[in-house]
Amino acid sequence: MKKELPKNIYDQIKYNRWRTGALFLMFPLIILGLTYLGILLAIIFSSDPELARTNPLELANMMMRTIGFWVILAVFVWSAVSYFAGSKMIMGYAGAKPIAKRDNPTLYNAVENISITAGMAKTPEIYIIEDSGLNAFATGTHPDNAKIAITRGLLEKLSKAEMEAVMAHEMGHVLNRDIRVMLIVITLLGAIQIVGEMMIRTAYFGGRGRSKGSSIIPLIGFLFITIGVLMGMLTKFAISREREYLADATGAFLTSNPLALASALEKISANPGSKTLESKPTIGSICIEDPTIKKSLSGEKKQSFWKKIWSTHPPAPDRIRLLQRY
């Protein structure tokens, strides 16, 4: 029987729809701005004597009128690809493989039962990451095309009730459309990062053997730093720590077993890292626990000052305490 979801779920859905539209508007503006900045700085620092006699702003404006259309077209194509195929790209990047009901009936039945409880028309696709770390995440653009991934280590370490609670938490992200916002963030920021890396590589290999050409490398480095800052700003804009609290509450609500999720989070927080996910911070931001957090020799988690400020997840002990009081 379908349960009546908490009212704040619907508020979150409205907010995520607004953020989705804002992200689609911000992305082309950021790309155009970075393109213009790169052209302008390249002209200013160029060793070409003909360019030295021109007005950098006028030349940059003229070039943007020529290539601006193609930049916008490329952004539109990439945005469409990321929206319709981004979830498959993320699963491939994470090394996740789809499974059928016969591969793991217990896991499949748990996801199916939670889907029915939540009133979803379709059971999300289930993927397994062959990794000993303890983590899980969901992705997609809508509950009808949602995908949930779980590591092999998490399947082996959790009890049936704990595993159901984790799947219900991920279902919470599906229901409140967190998956759509995070999908767009990951794929669009990934595009910016790829462009930045291409600039760095082009500058490095293009400058080899040319002393004049090598002077462009610091410029590309500055542009890359700018991209990184903008990526951080965009990520911070799109991600709210409250989404994890809300997904925890939704998971506890769907299973009527908040202590099972609290127990699962205790196990997960003790070993959230994985060889597959810890080197992929963009995907790590959608996991149930941040896989990039390192542990000290004493077993305590280590987070730098800046890591705490920019963390996409609230502290696990706080989430556990709230669930225990739920």
C-alpha atoms as a PDB file:
ATOM      1  CA  MET A   1       0.000   0.000   0.000  1.00  0.00           C
ATOM      2  CA  LYS A   2       1.268   3.438  -0.863  1.00  0.00           C
ATOM      3  CA  LYS A   3       2.233   5.602   2.099  1.00  0.00           C
ATOM      4  CA  GLU A   4       1.588   9.318   2.257  1.00  0.00           C
ATOM      5  CA  LEU A   5       5.041  10.856   2.005  1.00  0.00           C
ATOM      6  CA  PRO A   6       6.115  13.724   4.286  1.00  0.00           C
ATOM      7  CA  LYS A   7       5.144  17.179   3.020  1.00  0.00           C
ATOM      8  CA  ASN A   8       8.748  18.389   2.904  1.00  0.00           C
ATOM      9  CA  ILE A   9       9.408  15.848   0.139  1.00  0.00           C
ATOM     10  CA  TYR A  10       7.177  17.851  -2.196  1.00  0.00           C
ATOM     11  CA  ASP A  11       8.882  21.096  -1.198  1.00  0.00           C
ATOM     12  CA  GLN A  12      12.219  19.503  -2.075  1.00  0.00           C
ATOM     13  CA  ILE A  13      10.889  18.361  -5.447  1.00  0.00           C
ATOM     14  CA  LYS A  14       9.823  21.933  -6.316  1.00  0.00           C
ATOM     15  CA  TYR A  15      13.172  23.305  -5.184  1.00  0.00           C
ATOM     16  CA  ASN A  16      15.095  20.715  -7.237  1.00  0.00           C
ATOM     17  CA  ARG A  17      13.080  21.570 -10.345  1.00  0.00           C
ATOM     18  CA  TRP A  18      14.061  25.217  -9.925  1.00  0.00           C
ATOM     19  CA  ARG A  19      17.724  24.282  -9.436  1.00  0.00           C
ATOM     20  CA  THR A  20      17.654  22.083 -12.547  1.00  0.00           C
ATOM     21  CA  GLY A  21      16.533  24.994 -14.712  1.00  0.00           C
ATOM     22  CA  ALA A  22      19.052  27.338 -13.109  1.00  0.00           C
ATOM     23  CA  LEU A  23      21.901  24.888 -13.771  1.00  0.00           C
ATOM     24  CA  PHE A  24      20.958  24.611 -17.446  1.00  0.00           C
ATOM     25  CA  LEU A  25      21.046  28.417 -17.685  1.00  0.00           C
ATOM     26  CA  MET A  26      24.316  28.805 -15.777  1.00  0.00           C
ATOM     27  CA  PHE A  27      26.281  26.187 -17.690  1.00  0.00           C
ATOM     28  CA  PRO A  28      26.315  27.877 -21.142  1.00  0.00           C
ATOM     29  CA  LEU A  29      27.089  31.225 -19.512  1.00  0.00           C
ATOM     30  CA  ILE A  30      30.073  29.710 -17.689  1.00  0.00           C
ATOM     31  CA  ILE A  31      31.351  28.013 -20.852  1.00  0.00           C
ATOM     32  CA  LEU A  32      30.976  31.213 -22.896  1.00  0.00           C
ATOM     33  CA  GLY A  33      32.709  33.207 -20.187  1.00  0.00           C
ATOM     34  CA  LEU A  34      35.619  30.763 -19.991  1.00  0.00           C
ATOM     35  CA  THR A  35      35.922  30.700 -23.795  1.00  0.00           C
ATOM     36  CA  TYR A  36      36.009  34.488 -23.970  1.00  0.00           C
ATOM     37  CA  LEU A  37      38.520  34.692 -21.105  1.00  0.00           C
ATOM     38  CA  GLY A  38      40.767  32.124 -22.754  1.00  0.00           C
ATOM     39  CA  ILE A  39      40.690  33.951 -26.104  1.00  0.00           C
ATOM     40  CA  LEU A  40      41.342  37.328 -24.502  1.00  0.00           C
ATOM     41  CA  LEU A  41      44.271  36.153 -22.396  1.00  0.00           C
ATOM     42  CA  ALA A  42      45.741  34.193 -25.295  1.00  0.00           C
ATOM     43  CA  ILE A  43      45.703  37.375 -27.402  1.00  0.00           C
ATOM     44  CA  ILE A  44      47.214  39.504 -24.654  1.00  0.00           C
ATOM     45  CA  PHE A  45      50.044  37.072 -23.924  1.00  0.00           C
ATOM     46  CA  SER A  46      50.649  36.039 -27.516  1.00  0.00           C
ATOM     47  CA  SER A  47      54.158  36.521 -28.947  1.00  0.00           C
ATOM     48  CA  ASP A  48      52.750  37.136 -32.436  1.00  0.00           C
ATOM     49  CA  PRO A  49      53.752  40.693 -33.488  1.00  0.00           C
ATOM     50  CA  GLU A  50      50.585  41.127 -35.575  1.00  0.00           C
ATOM     51  CA  LEU A  51      48.366  40.383 -32.565  1.00  0.00           C
ATOM     52  CA  ALA A  52      50.430  42.762 -30.450  1.00  0.00           C
ATOM     53  CA  ARG A  53      49.317  45.652 -32.698  1.00  0.00           C
ATOM     54  CA  THR A  54      45.596  44.874 -32.359  1.00  0.00           C
ATOM     55  CA  ASN A  55      43.094  45.824 -29.684  1.00  0.00           C
ATOM     56  CA  PRO A  56      42.675  42.631 -27.585  1.00  0.00           C
ATOM     57  CA  LEU A  57      39.050  43.374 -26.682  1.00  0.00           C
ATOM     58  CA  GLU A  58      37.994  44.114 -30.252  1.00  0.00           C
ATOM     59  CA  LEU A  59      39.714  40.989 -31.563  1.00  0.00           C
ATOM     60  CA  ALA A  60      38.267  38.801 -28.783  1.00  0.00           C
ATOM     61  CA  ASN A  61      34.779  40.174 -29.489  1.00  0.00           C
ATOM     62  CA  MET A  62      35.169  39.484 -33.195  1.00  0.00           C
ATOM     63  CA  MET A  63      36.358  35.921 -32.568  1.00  0.00           C
ATOM     64  CA  MET A  64      33.496  35.276 -30.143  1.00  0.00           C
ATOM     65  CA  ARG A  65      30.987  36.365 -32.768  1.00  0.00           C
ATOM     66  CA  THR A  66      32.499  33.721 -35.028  1.00  0.00           C
ATOM     67  CA  ILE A  67      32.801  30.794 -32.630  1.00  0.00           C
ATOM     68  CA  GLY A  68      30.099  31.698 -30.102  1.00  0.00           C
ATOM     69  CA  PHE A  69      27.421  29.882 -32.089  1.00  0.00           C
ATOM     70  CA  TRP A  70      29.470  26.684 -32.189  1.00  0.00           C
ATOM     71  CA  VAL A  71      30.181  26.897 -28.475  1.00  0.00           C
ATOM     72  CA  ILE A  72      26.459  27.218 -27.710  1.00  0.00           C
ATOM     73  CA  LEU A  73      25.689  24.351 -30.096  1.00  0.00           C
ATOM     74  CA  ALA A  74      28.289  22.160 -28.386  1.00  0.00           C
ATOM     75  CA  VAL A  75      26.846  23.054 -24.975  1.00  0.00           C
ATOM     76  CA  PHE A  76      23.326  22.217 -26.157  1.00  0.00           C
ATOM     77  CA  VAL A  77      24.418  18.854 -27.582  1.00  0.00           C
ATOM     78  CA  TRP A  78      26.384  17.948 -24.442  1.00  0.00           C
ATOM     79  CA  SER A  79      23.476  19.009 -22.200  1.00  0.00           C
ATOM     80  CA  ALA A  80      21.077  16.811 -24.164  1.00  0.00           C
ATOM     81  CA  VAL A  81      23.487  13.879 -24.035  1.00  0.00           C
ATOM     82  CA  SER A  82      24.062  14.334 -20.306  1.00  0.00           C
ATOM     83  CA  TYR A  83      20.339  14.536 -19.576  1.00  0.00           C
ATOM     84  CA  PHE A  84      19.268  11.491 -21.578  1.00  0.00           C
ATOM     85  CA  ALA A  85      22.386   9.295 -21.284  1.00  0.00           C
ATOM     86  CA  GLY A  86      24.134  10.738 -18.229  1.00  0.00           C
ATOM     87  CA  SER A  87      22.998   8.015 -15.825  1.00  0.00           C
ATOM     88  CA  LYS A  88      24.505   5.306 -18.038  1.00  0.00           C
ATOM     89  CA  MET A  89      27.698   7.344 -18.336  1.00  0.00           C
ATOM     90  CA  ILE A  90      27.925   7.631 -14.541  1.00  0.00           C
ATOM     91  CA  MET A  91      27.349   3.906 -14.049  1.00  0.00           C
ATOM     92  CA  GLY A  92      30.036   3.136 -16.595  1.00  0.00           C
ATOM     93  CA  TYR A  93      32.437   5.595 -14.980  1.00  0.00           C
ATOM     94  CA  ALA A  94      31.797   3.975 -11.581  1.00  0.00           C
ATOM     95  CA  GLY A  95      32.348   0.490 -12.993  1.00  0.00           C
ATOM     96  CA  ALA A  96      28.809  -0.592 -12.058  1.00  0.00           C
ATOM     97  CA  LYS A  97      27.237  -3.587 -13.815  1.00  0.00           C
ATOM     98  CA  PRO A  98      23.453  -4.192 -14.105  1.00  0.00           C
ATOM     99  CA  ILE A  99      21.965  -7.277 -12.500  1.00  0.00           C
ATOM    100  CA  ALA A 100      18.709  -9.184 -12.986  1.00  0.00           C
ATOM    101  CA  LYS A 101      16.424 -10.579 -10.301  1.00  0.00           C
ATOM    102  CA  ARG A 102      17.982 -14.034 -10.605  1.00  0.00           C
ATOM    103  CA  ASP A 103      21.429 -12.613  -9.812  1.00  0.00           C
ATOM    104  CA  ASN A 104      20.422 -11.403  -6.340  1.00  0.00           C
ATOM    105  CA  PRO A 105      16.752 -12.049  -5.486  1.00  0.00           C
ATOM    106  CA  THR A 106      17.071 -10.620  -1.965  1.00  0.00           C
ATOM    107  CA  LEU A 107      18.381  -7.262  -3.145  1.00  0.00           C
ATOM    108  CA  TYR A 108      15.962  -7.102  -6.067  1.00  0.00           C
ATOM    109  CA  ASN A 109      12.945  -7.926  -3.865  1.00  0.00           C
ATOM    110  CA  ALA A 110      13.979  -5.278  -1.340  1.00  0.00           C
ATOM    111  CA  VAL A 111      14.139  -2.558  -4.002  1.00  0.00           C
ATOM    112  CA  GLU A 112      10.901  -3.769  -5.570  1.00  0.00           C
ATOM    113  CA  ASN A 113       9.019  -3.768  -2.238  1.00  0.00           C
ATOM    114  CA  ILE A 114      10.260  -0.274  -1.356  1.00  0.00           C
ATOM    115  CA  SER A 115       9.210   0.961  -4.810  1.00  0.00           C
ATOM    116  CA  ILE A 116       5.709  -0.390  -4.249  1.00  0.00           C
ATOM    117  CA  THR A 117       5.554   1.158  -0.778  1.00  0.00           C
ATOM    118  CA  ALA A 118       6.576   4.532  -2.218  1.00  0.00           C
ATOM    119  CA  GLY A 119       3.944   4.264  -4.972  1.00  0.00           C
ATOM    120  CA  MET A 120       6.481   4.212  -7.806  1.00  0.00           C
ATOM    121  CA  ALA A 121       5.266   2.902 -11.157  1.00  0.00           C
ATOM    122  CA  LYS A 122       8.561   1.199 -11.975  1.00  0.00           C
ATOM    123  CA  THR A 123      11.317  -0.501  -9.988  1.00  0.00           C
ATOM    124  CA  PRO A 124      14.691   1.234 -10.478  1.00  0.00           C
ATOM    125  CA  GLU A 125      17.419  -0.658 -12.307  1.00  0.00           C
ATOM    126  CA  ILE A 126      19.933  -2.228  -9.922  1.00  0.00           C
ATOM    127  CA  TYR A 127      23.706  -2.214 -10.427  1.00  0.00           C
ATOM    128  CA  ILE A 128      26.589  -3.841  -8.545  1.00  0.00           C
ATOM    129  CA  ILE A 129      30.064  -2.333  -8.122  1.00  0.00           C
ATOM    130  CA  GLU A 130      32.636  -5.073  -7.559  1.00  0.00           C
ATOM    131  CA  ASP A 131      34.418  -3.323  -4.720  1.00  0.00           C
ATOM    132  CA  SER A 132      35.002  -4.156  -1.054  1.00  0.00           C
ATOM    133  CA  GLY A 133      34.203  -0.612   0.103  1.00  0.00           C
ATOM    134  CA  LEU A 134      30.830   0.116   1.688  1.00  0.00           C
ATOM    135  CA  ASN A 135      28.789   2.554  -0.375  1.00  0.00           C
ATOM    136  CA  ALA A 136      25.770   3.059  -2.616  1.00  0.00           C
ATOM    137  CA  PHE A 137      24.232   5.760  -4.800  1.00  0.00           C
ATOM    138  CA  ALA A 138      21.293   6.491  -7.088  1.00  0.00           C
ATOM    139  CA  THR A 139      21.153   8.362 -10.379  1.00  0.00           C
ATOM    140  CA  GLY A 140      18.762   9.195 -13.215  1.00  0.00           C
ATOM    141  CA  THR A 141      16.438  12.046 -14.158  1.00  0.00           C
ATOM    142  CA  HIS A 142      13.066  10.679 -13.033  1.00  0.00           C
ATOM    143  CA  PRO A 143      11.721   7.823 -10.869  1.00  0.00           C
ATOM    144  CA  ASP A 144      10.769   5.976 -14.071  1.00  0.00           C
ATOM    145  CA  ASN A 145      14.404   5.758 -15.245  1.00  0.00           C
ATOM    146  CA  ALA A 146      16.199   5.705 -11.901  1.00  0.00           C
ATOM    147  CA  LYS A 147      19.226   3.491 -11.302  1.00  0.00           C
ATOM    148  CA  ILE A 148      20.640   2.351  -7.957  1.00  0.00           C
ATOM    149  CA  ALA A 149      24.187   1.060  -7.466  1.00  0.00           C
ATOM    150  CA  ILE A 150      25.565  -0.765  -4.443  1.00  0.00           C
ATOM    151  CA  THR A 151      29.054  -2.098  -3.785  1.00  0.00           C
ATOM    152  CA  ARG A 152      29.711  -5.786  -3.276  1.00  0.00           C
ATOM    153  CA  GLY A 153      31.252  -4.989   0.097  1.00  0.00           C
ATOM    154  CA  LEU A 154      28.039  -3.343   1.282  1.00  0.00           C
ATOM    155  CA  LEU A 155      25.975  -6.355   0.239  1.00  0.00           C
ATOM    156  CA  GLU A 156      28.252  -8.669   2.192  1.00  0.00           C
ATOM    157  CA  LYS A 157      28.482  -6.575   5.365  1.00  0.00           C
ATOM    158  CA  LEU A 158      24.870  -5.484   5.919  1.00  0.00           C
ATOM    159  CA  SER A 159      22.001  -7.484   7.306  1.00  0.00           C
ATOM    160  CA  LYS A 160      18.796  -7.778   5.284  1.00  0.00           C
ATOM    161  CA  ALA A 161      17.085  -5.021   7.299  1.00  0.00           C
ATOM    162  CA  GLU A 162      20.114  -2.715   6.977  1.00  0.00           C
ATOM    163  CA  MET A 163      20.341  -3.343   3.242  1.00  0.00           C
ATOM    164  CA  GLU A 164      16.640  -2.529   2.823  1.00  0.00           C
ATOM    165  CA  ALA A 165      17.152   0.681   4.811  1.00  0.00           C
ATOM    166  CA  VAL A 166      20.038   1.766   2.550  1.00  0.00           C
ATOM    167  CA  MET A 167      17.958   1.053  -0.561  1.00  0.00           C
ATOM    168  CA  ALA A 168      15.109   3.091   0.966  1.00  0.00           C
ATOM    169  CA  HIS A 169      17.546   5.977   1.577  1.00  0.00           C
ATOM    170  CA  GLU A 170      18.556   5.912  -2.086  1.00  0.00           C
ATOM    171  CA  MET A 171      14.891   5.736  -3.025  1.00  0.00           C
ATOM    172  CA  GLY A 172      14.460   8.942  -1.048  1.00  0.00           C
ATOM    173  CA  HIS A 173      16.893  10.663  -3.434  1.00  0.00           C
ATOM    174  CA  VAL A 174      14.886   9.268  -6.345  1.00  0.00           C
ATOM    175  CA  LEU A 175      11.558  10.500  -4.996  1.00  0.00           C
ATOM    176  CA  ASN A 176      12.664  14.062  -4.224  1.00  0.00           C
ATOM    177  CA  ARG A 177      14.495  14.384  -7.589  1.00  0.00           C
ATOM    178  CA  ASP A 178      17.954  14.808  -6.060  1.00  0.00           C
ATOM    179  CA  ILE A 179      19.110  12.362  -8.717  1.00  0.00           C
ATOM    180  CA  ARG A 180      18.237  14.776 -11.535  1.00  0.00           C
ATOM    181  CA  VAL A 181      20.115  17.725 -10.038  1.00  0.00           C
ATOM    182  CA  MET A 182      23.172  15.636  -9.199  1.00  0.00           C
ATOM    183  CA  LEU A 183      23.202  13.979 -12.623  1.00  0.00           C
ATOM    184  CA  ILE A 184      23.317  17.373 -14.306  1.00  0.00           C
ATOM    185  CA  VAL A 185      25.988  18.641 -11.920  1.00  0.00           C
ATOM    186  CA  ILE A 186      28.263  15.650 -12.476  1.00  0.00           C
ATOM    187  CA  THR A 187      27.993  15.544 -16.267  1.00  0.00           C
ATOM    188  CA  LEU A 188      28.233  19.303 -16.840  1.00  0.00           C
ATOM    189  CA  LEU A 189      31.106  19.788 -14.419  1.00  0.00           C
ATOM    190  CA  GLY A 190      32.769  16.797 -16.002  1.00  0.00           C
ATOM    191  CA  ALA A 191      32.592  18.598 -19.349  1.00  0.00           C
ATOM    192  CA  ILE A 192      34.265  21.687 -17.877  1.00  0.00           C
ATOM    193  CA  GLN A 193      36.989  19.532 -16.362  1.00  0.00           C
ATOM    194  CA  ILE A 194      37.604  17.768 -19.671  1.00  0.00           C
ATOM    195  CA  VAL A 195      37.924  21.110 -21.482  1.00  0.00           C
ATOM    196  CA  GLY A 196      40.384  22.312 -18.841  1.00  0.00           C
ATOM    197  CA  GLU A 197      42.499  19.157 -19.101  1.00  0.00           C
ATOM    198  CA  MET A 198      42.533  19.438 -22.894  1.00  0.00           C
ATOM    199  CA  MET A 199      43.817  23.013 -22.572  1.00  0.00           C
ATOM    200  CA  ILE A 200      46.575  21.917 -20.206  1.00  0.00           C
ATOM    201  CA  ARG A 201      47.650  19.044 -22.445  1.00  0.00           C
ATOM    202  CA  THR A 202      47.535  21.197 -25.587  1.00  0.00           C
ATOM    203  CA  ALA A 203      49.643  23.860 -23.919  1.00  0.00           C
ATOM    204  CA  TYR A 204      52.163  21.322 -22.636  1.00  0.00           C
ATOM    205  CA  PHE A 205      52.688  19.384 -25.853  1.00  0.00           C
ATOM    206  CA  GLY A 206      52.338  22.473 -28.032  1.00  0.00           C
ATOM    207  CA  GLY A 207      54.988  24.296 -26.019  1.00  0.00           C
ATOM    208  CA  ARG A 208      57.581  21.535 -26.222  1.00  0.00           C
ATOM    209  CA  GLY A 209      60.371  22.547 -28.503  1.00  0.00           C
ATOM    210  CA  ARG A 210      59.138  26.153 -28.768  1.00  0.00           C
ATOM    211  CA  SER A 211      60.387  28.567 -26.140  1.00  0.00           C
ATOM    212  CA  LYS A 212      57.875  31.201 -27.164  1.00  0.00           C
ATOM    213  CA  GLY A 213      54.980  28.763 -27.159  1.00  0.00           C
ATOM    214  CA  SER A 214      55.893  27.504 -23.710  1.00  0.00           C
ATOM    215  CA  SER A 215      55.060  30.914 -22.259  1.00  0.00           C
ATOM    216  CA  ILE A 216      51.370  30.086 -22.708  1.00  0.00           C
ATOM    217  CA  ILE A 217      51.511  27.286 -20.101  1.00  0.00           C
ATOM    218  CA  PRO A 218      51.121  29.584 -17.048  1.00  0.00           C
ATOM    219  CA  LEU A 219      48.151  31.200 -18.773  1.00  0.00           C
ATOM    220  CA  ILE A 220      46.463  27.834 -19.290  1.00  0.00           C
ATOM    221  CA  GLY A 221      47.233  26.962 -15.682  1.00  0.00           C
ATOM    222  CA  PHE A 222      45.475  30.134 -14.535  1.00  0.00           C
ATOM    223  CA  LEU A 223      42.474  29.311 -16.697  1.00  0.00           C
ATOM    224  CA  PHE A 224      42.385  25.800 -15.275  1.00  0.00           C
ATOM    225  CA  ILE A 225      42.385  27.206 -11.740  1.00  0.00           C
ATOM    226  CA  THR A 226      39.503  29.474 -12.725  1.00  0.00           C
ATOM    227  CA  ILE A 227      37.597  26.463 -13.999  1.00  0.00           C
ATOM    228  CA  GLY A 228      38.228  24.651 -10.718  1.00  0.00           C
ATOM    229  CA  VAL A 229      36.900  27.575  -8.687  1.00  0.00           C
ATOM    230  CA  LEU A 230      33.792  27.806 -10.839  1.00  0.00           C
ATOM    231  CA  MET A 231      33.284  24.066 -10.510  1.00  0.00           C
ATOM    232  CA  GLY A 232      33.380  24.392  -6.744  1.00  0.00           C
ATOM    233  CA  MET A 233      30.921  27.286  -6.791  1.00  0.00           C
ATOM    234  CA  LEU A 234      28.522  25.426  -9.063  1.00  0.00           C
ATOM    235  CA  THR A 235      28.747  22.263  -6.970  1.00  0.00           C
ATOM    236  CA  LYS A 236      28.124  24.208  -3.775  1.00  0.00           C
ATOM    237  CA  PHE A 237      25.134  25.885  -5.420  1.00  0.00           C
ATOM    238  CA  ALA A 238      23.598  22.602  -6.502  1.00  0.00           C
ATOM    239  CA  ILE A 239      24.301  20.436  -3.483  1.00  0.00           C
ATOM    240  CA  SER A 240      22.727  20.864  -0.087  1.00  0.00           C
ATOM    241  CA  ARG A 241      23.625  18.758   2.923  1.00  0.00           C
ATOM    242  CA  GLU A 242      19.964  18.800   3.857  1.00  0.00           C
ATOM    243  CA  ARG A 243      19.270  16.366   1.004  1.00  0.00           C
ATOM    244  CA  GLU A 244      21.006  13.608   2.982  1.00  0.00           C
ATOM    245  CA  TYR A 245      18.979  14.295   6.108  1.00  0.00           C
ATOM    246  CA  LEU A 246      15.797  14.247   4.047  1.00  0.00           C
ATOM    247  CA  ALA A 247      16.774  11.014   2.298  1.00  0.00           C
ATOM    248  CA  ASP A 248      17.543   9.460   5.705  1.00  0.00           C
ATOM    249  CA  ALA A 249      14.119  10.508   6.986  1.00  0.00           C
ATOM    250  CA  THR A 250      12.424   9.199   3.839  1.00  0.00           C
ATOM    251  CA  GLY A 251      14.278   5.886   4.087  1.00  0.00           C
ATOM    252  CA  ALA A 252      13.287   5.501   7.739  1.00  0.00           C
ATOM    253  CA  PHE A 253       9.712   6.370   6.822  1.00  0.00           C
ATOM    254  CA  LEU A 254       9.485   3.866   3.958  1.00  0.00           C
ATOM    255  CA  THR A 255      10.876   0.975   6.019  1.00  0.00           C
ATOM    256  CA  SER A 256       9.439   2.037   9.392  1.00  0.00           C
ATOM    257  CA  ASN A 257      12.843   1.040  10.763  1.00  0.00           C
ATOM    258  CA  PRO A 258      15.080   4.061  11.440  1.00  0.00           C
ATOM    259  CA  LEU A 259      17.413   2.034  13.662  1.00  0.00           C
ATOM    260  CA  ALA A 260      18.293  -0.250  10.750  1.00  0.00           C
ATOM    261  CA  LEU A 261      19.470   2.742   8.696  1.00  0.00           C
ATOM    262  CA  ALA A 262      21.352   4.116  11.729  1.00  0.00           C
ATOM    263  CA  SER A 263      23.102   0.768  12.131  1.00  0.00           C
ATOM    264  CA  ALA A 264      23.913   0.654   8.405  1.00  0.00           C
ATOM    265  CA  LEU A 265      25.377   4.173   8.510  1.00  0.00           C
ATOM    266  CA  GLU A 266      27.628   3.158  11.414  1.00  0.00           C
ATOM    267  CA  LYS A 267      29.073   0.338   9.314  1.00  0.00           C
ATOM    268  CA  ILE A 268      29.294   2.438   6.164  1.00  0.00           C
ATOM    269  CA  SER A 269      30.980   5.398   7.867  1.00  0.00           C
ATOM    270  CA  ALA A 270      33.657   3.024   9.205  1.00  0.00           C
ATOM    271  CA  ASN A 271      34.688   2.077   5.654  1.00  0.00           C
ATOM    272  CA  PRO A 272      33.033   4.246   2.964  1.00  0.00           C
ATOM    273  CA  GLY A 273      36.096   4.428   0.737  1.00  0.00           C
ATOM    274  CA  SER A 274      36.646   2.229  -2.267  1.00  0.00           C
ATOM    275  CA  LYS A 275      39.293   1.960  -4.942  1.00  0.00           C
ATOM    276  CA  THR A 276      36.581   2.562  -7.528  1.00  0.00           C
ATOM    277  CA  LEU A 277      34.901   5.618  -6.019  1.00  0.00           C
ATOM    278  CA  GLU A 278      37.468   7.471  -3.904  1.00  0.00           C
ATOM    279  CA  SER A 279      39.312   8.692  -7.015  1.00  0.00           C
ATOM    280  CA  LYS A 280      36.055  10.049  -8.475  1.00  0.00           C
ATOM    281  CA  PRO A 281      34.987  12.962  -6.227  1.00  0.00           C
ATOM    282  CA  THR A 282      32.124  14.008  -8.502  1.00  0.00           C
ATOM    283  CA  ILE A 283      30.507  10.585  -8.161  1.00  0.00           C
ATOM    284  CA  GLY A 284      31.463  10.513  -4.491  1.00  0.00           C
ATOM    285  CA  SER A 285      29.161  13.468  -3.924  1.00  0.00           C
ATOM    286  CA  ILE A 286      26.100  11.308  -4.694  1.00  0.00           C
ATOM    287  CA  CYS A 287      27.117   8.358  -2.513  1.00  0.00           C
ATOM    288  CA  ILE A 288      25.380   7.621   0.785  1.00  0.00           C
ATOM    289  CA  GLU A 289      28.687   8.507   2.497  1.00  0.00           C
ATOM    290  CA  ASP A 290      31.658  10.433   1.138  1.00  0.00           C
ATOM    291  CA  PRO A 291      34.155   7.809  -0.131  1.00  0.00           C
ATOM    292  CA  THR A 292      37.043  10.291  -0.246  1.00  0.00           C
ATOM    293  CA  ILE A 293      37.313  10.696   3.544  1.00  0.00           C
ATOM    294  CA  LYS A 294      40.557   9.158   4.813  1.00  0.00           C
ATOM    295  CA  LYS A 295      41.108   7.593   8.209  1.00  0.00           C
ATOM    296  CA  SER A 296      44.009   8.155  10.582  1.00  0.00           C
ATOM    297  CA  LEU A 297      46.038   5.351  12.161  1.00  0.00           C
ATOM    298  CA  SER A 298      43.815   5.554  15.242  1.00  0.00           C
ATOM    299  CA  GLY A 299      40.763   4.835  13.089  1.00  0.00           C
ATOM    300  CA  GLU A 300      39.365   8.378  13.290  1.00  0.00           C
ATOM    301  CA  LYS A 301      38.248  10.120  10.128  1.00  0.00           C
ATOM    302  CA  LYS A 302      40.462  12.884   8.832  1.00  0.00           C
ATOM    303  CA  GLN A 303      38.964  15.933   7.151  1.00  0.00           C
ATOM    304  CA  SER A 304      40.808  19.134   6.422  1.00  0.00           C
ATOM    305  CA  PHE A 305      39.315  22.508   7.287  1.00  0.00           C
ATOM    306  CA  TRP A 306      38.396  23.206   3.662  1.00  0.00           C
ATOM    307  CA  LYS A 307      37.089  19.673   3.197  1.00  0.00           C
ATOM    308  CA  LYS A 308      34.662  20.209   6.056  1.00  0.00           C
ATOM    309  CA  ILE A 309      33.465  23.523   4.602  1.00  0.00           C
ATOM    310  CA  TRP A 310      32.903  22.122   1.104  1.00  0.00           C
ATOM    311  CA  SER A 311      31.705  18.690   2.242  1.00  0.00           C
ATOM    312  CA  THR A 312      28.605  17.476   0.423  1.00  0.00           C
ATOM    313  CA  HIS A 313      27.595  15.204   3.317  1.00  0.00           C
ATOM    314  CA  PRO A 314      26.675  16.042   6.910  1.00  0.00           C
ATOM    315  CA  PRO A 315      28.710  14.203   9.596  1.00  0.00           C
ATOM    316  CA  ALA A 316      27.634  10.566   9.939  1.00  0.00           C
ATOM    317  CA  PRO A 317      27.328  10.769  13.761  1.00  0.00           C
ATOM    318  CA  ASP A 318      24.782  13.594  13.389  1.00  0.00           C
ATOM    319  CA  ARG A 319      22.744  11.567  10.912  1.00  0.00           C
ATOM    320  CA  ILE A 320      22.845   8.525  13.183  1.00  0.00           C
ATOM    321  CA  ARG A 321      21.720  10.516  16.235  1.00  0.00           C
ATOM    322  CA  LEU A 322      18.764  11.929  14.333  1.00  0.00           C
ATOM    323  CA  LEU A 323      17.728   8.491  13.141  1.00  0.00           C
ATOM    324  CA  GLN A 324      17.971   7.089  16.653  1.00  0.00           C
ATOM    325  CA  ARG A 325      15.628   9.854  17.837  1.00  0.00           C
ATOM    326  CA  TYR A 326      13.308   9.487  14.811  1.00  0.00           C
END
